[in-house]
Structure formats: C-alpha cells, structure tokens
Amino acid sequence: MAEKLIIPAELKICATCSYWDGLRKVDPELRLVVIDECAEGECLVKCACRRGLNNEGTGEHNCLWEHLAPDAEPTQGSDNDDQ
C-alpha cells in the first residue's frame, strides 16, 4: 500500500493544479490535497504524464498552474444576466 501525502493546496506542484488529472482527494474547506506518494497523471496543458510531486512552475519549465479553488458564484445583477 502506497503512503499518502497531505499537501497544502497553495503549494505549486502538479497535484495541486486544476490541469492535472491524476487521482487525488481535495478538501476545499481545509484547503488540502491528498495523493499517493507515487501518484501520476496527465498534465492537460502539456499533454504529458507528470508525477503529482513535480514542480514545473520554476525555472525554464514554466507552466500554467491554476489553483484548485472552486470558481466564485456569479453575483446577481452582473453584466451577463439576460433581461
């Protein structure tokens, strides 16, 4: 059985990116991500297999890391409302 890792959602690694499709559990209230130590998934931006612990956001390998936080609910009276 693989060891589980508990990671703060703010940490910029593949497992905490919304573009990574690997197996993970997300606790939005505590802002934590739980993955297996050896978790792998596909980066939907680069179309390549990446380990959950990869840190692609530094150096010359810049990526489009996007936070896992849910989108904000639209407010009433916004410009997008049909009238």
C-alpha atoms as a PDB file:
ATOM      1  CA  MET A   1       0.000   0.000   0.000  1.00  0.00           C
ATOM      2  CA  ALA A   2       1.416   3.394  -1.024  1.00  0.00           C
ATOM      3  CA  GLU A   3       1.951   6.083   1.564  1.00  0.00           C
ATOM      4  CA  LYS A   4      -0.445   9.026   1.432  1.00  0.00           C
ATOM      5  CA  LEU A   5       0.777  12.609   1.359  1.00  0.00           C
ATOM      6  CA  ILE A   6      -1.209  15.574   2.643  1.00  0.00           C
ATOM      7  CA  ILE A   7      -0.296  18.745   0.751  1.00  0.00           C
ATOM      8  CA  PRO A   8      -1.476  22.345   1.209  1.00  0.00           C
ATOM      9  CA  ALA A   9      -3.492  23.358  -1.875  1.00  0.00           C
ATOM     10  CA  GLU A  10      -1.418  26.556  -2.214  1.00  0.00           C
ATOM     11  CA  LEU A  11       1.779  24.590  -2.930  1.00  0.00           C
ATOM     12  CA  LYS A  12       2.504  24.925  -6.667  1.00  0.00           C
ATOM     13  CA  ILE A  13       3.067  21.328  -7.728  1.00  0.00           C
ATOM     14  CA  CYS A  14       1.237  19.182 -10.289  1.00  0.00           C
ATOM     15  CA  ALA A  15      -1.041  17.528  -7.705  1.00  0.00           C
ATOM     16  CA  THR A  16      -2.495  20.894  -6.666  1.00  0.00           C
ATOM     17  CA  CYS A  17      -3.056  22.168 -10.217  1.00  0.00           C
ATOM     18  CA  SER A  18      -6.506  22.107 -11.780  1.00  0.00           C
ATOM     19  CA  TYR A  19      -4.936  20.990 -15.106  1.00  0.00           C
ATOM     20  CA  TRP A  20      -3.535  17.739 -13.601  1.00  0.00           C
ATOM     21  CA  ASP A  21      -5.880  14.751 -13.959  1.00  0.00           C
ATOM     22  CA  GLY A  22      -4.232  12.329 -11.535  1.00  0.00           C
ATOM     23  CA  LEU A  23      -6.020  10.583  -8.659  1.00  0.00           C
ATOM     24  CA  ARG A  24      -6.370  12.865  -5.635  1.00  0.00           C
ATOM     25  CA  LYS A  25      -8.782  13.845  -2.906  1.00  0.00           C
ATOM     26  CA  VAL A  26      -9.381  17.527  -2.287  1.00  0.00           C
ATOM     27  CA  ASP A  27     -10.714  19.028   0.938  1.00  0.00           C
ATOM     28  CA  PRO A  28     -11.832  22.549  -0.071  1.00  0.00           C
ATOM     29  CA  GLU A  29     -12.685  23.546   3.489  1.00  0.00           C
ATOM     30  CA  LEU A  30      -9.230  22.758   4.889  1.00  0.00           C
ATOM     31  CA  ARG A  31      -7.527  23.532   1.541  1.00  0.00           C
ATOM     32  CA  LEU A  32      -5.636  20.227   1.482  1.00  0.00           C
ATOM     33  CA  VAL A  33      -4.896  17.708  -1.272  1.00  0.00           C
ATOM     34  CA  VAL A  34      -4.261  14.018  -0.504  1.00  0.00           C
ATOM     35  CA  ILE A  35      -2.349  11.883  -3.021  1.00  0.00           C
ATOM     36  CA  ASP A  36      -0.397   8.627  -3.080  1.00  0.00           C
ATOM     37  CA  GLU A  37       3.344   9.182  -2.793  1.00  0.00           C
ATOM     38  CA  CYS A  38       3.856   7.794  -6.321  1.00  0.00           C
ATOM     39  CA  ALA A  39       0.726   9.332  -7.932  1.00  0.00           C
ATOM     40  CA  GLU A  40       0.918  10.118 -11.644  1.00  0.00           C
ATOM     41  CA  GLY A  41      -1.471  11.829 -14.008  1.00  0.00           C
ATOM     42  CA  GLU A  42      -1.622  13.735 -17.256  1.00  0.00           C
ATOM     43  CA  CYS A  43      -0.919  17.450 -17.451  1.00  0.00           C
ATOM     44  CA  LEU A  44      -3.780  18.642 -19.652  1.00  0.00           C
ATOM     45  CA  VAL A  45      -1.763  21.684 -20.778  1.00  0.00           C
ATOM     46  CA  LYS A  46       1.408  19.857 -21.831  1.00  0.00           C
ATOM     47  CA  CYS A  47      -0.325  16.566 -22.755  1.00  0.00           C
ATOM     48  CA  ALA A  48       2.338  14.656 -20.854  1.00  0.00           C
ATOM     49  CA  CYS A  49       2.461  12.277 -17.899  1.00  0.00           C
ATOM     50  CA  ARG A  50       3.579  14.033 -14.703  1.00  0.00           C
ATOM     51  CA  ARG A  51       4.164  12.849 -11.138  1.00  0.00           C
ATOM     52  CA  GLY A  52       1.972  14.579  -8.591  1.00  0.00           C
ATOM     53  CA  LEU A  53       5.008  15.935  -6.760  1.00  0.00           C
ATOM     54  CA  ASN A  54       6.537  17.563  -9.876  1.00  0.00           C
ATOM     55  CA  ASN A  55       7.282  21.241  -9.527  1.00  0.00           C
ATOM     56  CA  GLU A  56       7.043  22.513 -13.110  1.00  0.00           C
ATOM     57  CA  GLY A  57       6.418  26.148 -12.178  1.00  0.00           C
ATOM     58  CA  THR A  58      10.029  27.131 -11.544  1.00  0.00           C
ATOM     59  CA  GLY A  59      12.965  27.745 -13.811  1.00  0.00           C
ATOM     60  CA  GLU A  60      12.674  27.341 -17.568  1.00  0.00           C
ATOM     61  CA  HIS A  61       9.765  24.877 -17.341  1.00  0.00           C
ATOM     62  CA  ASN A  62       7.059  27.487 -16.701  1.00  0.00           C
ATOM     63  CA  CYS A  63       3.582  26.047 -16.707  1.00  0.00           C
ATOM     64  CA  LEU A  64       0.039  27.358 -16.496  1.00  0.00           C
ATOM     65  CA  TRP A  65      -0.523  26.209 -12.889  1.00  0.00           C
ATOM     66  CA  GLU A  66      -4.073  27.026 -11.819  1.00  0.00           C
ATOM     67  CA  HIS A  67      -5.404  26.864  -8.278  1.00  0.00           C
ATOM     68  CA  LEU A  68      -7.881  24.106  -7.420  1.00  0.00           C
ATOM     69  CA  ALA A  69     -10.235  26.532  -5.667  1.00  0.00           C
ATOM     70  CA  PRO A  70     -13.788  26.376  -6.989  1.00  0.00           C
ATOM     71  CA  ASP A  71     -14.974  29.183  -9.233  1.00  0.00           C
ATOM     72  CA  ALA A  72     -16.789  32.008  -7.489  1.00  0.00           C
ATOM     73  CA  GLU A  73     -20.565  32.010  -7.780  1.00  0.00           C
ATOM     74  CA  PRO A  74     -21.832  34.738 -10.128  1.00  0.00           C
ATOM     75  CA  THR A  75     -23.457  37.641  -8.338  1.00  0.00           C
ATOM     76  CA  GLN A  76     -26.952  38.839  -9.172  1.00  0.00           C
ATOM     77  CA  GLY A  77     -27.130  41.871 -11.404  1.00  0.00           C
ATOM     78  CA  SER A  78     -23.909  41.108 -13.254  1.00  0.00           C
ATOM     79  CA  ASP A  79     -23.445  42.172 -16.870  1.00  0.00           C
ATOM     80  CA  ASN A  80     -24.010  38.575 -18.038  1.00  0.00           C
ATOM     81  CA  ASP A  81     -27.637  38.417 -16.878  1.00  0.00           C
ATOM     82  CA  ASP A  82     -30.233  38.143 -19.649  1.00  0.00           C
ATOM     83  CA  GLN A  83     -33.029  40.679 -19.388  1.00  0.00           C
END
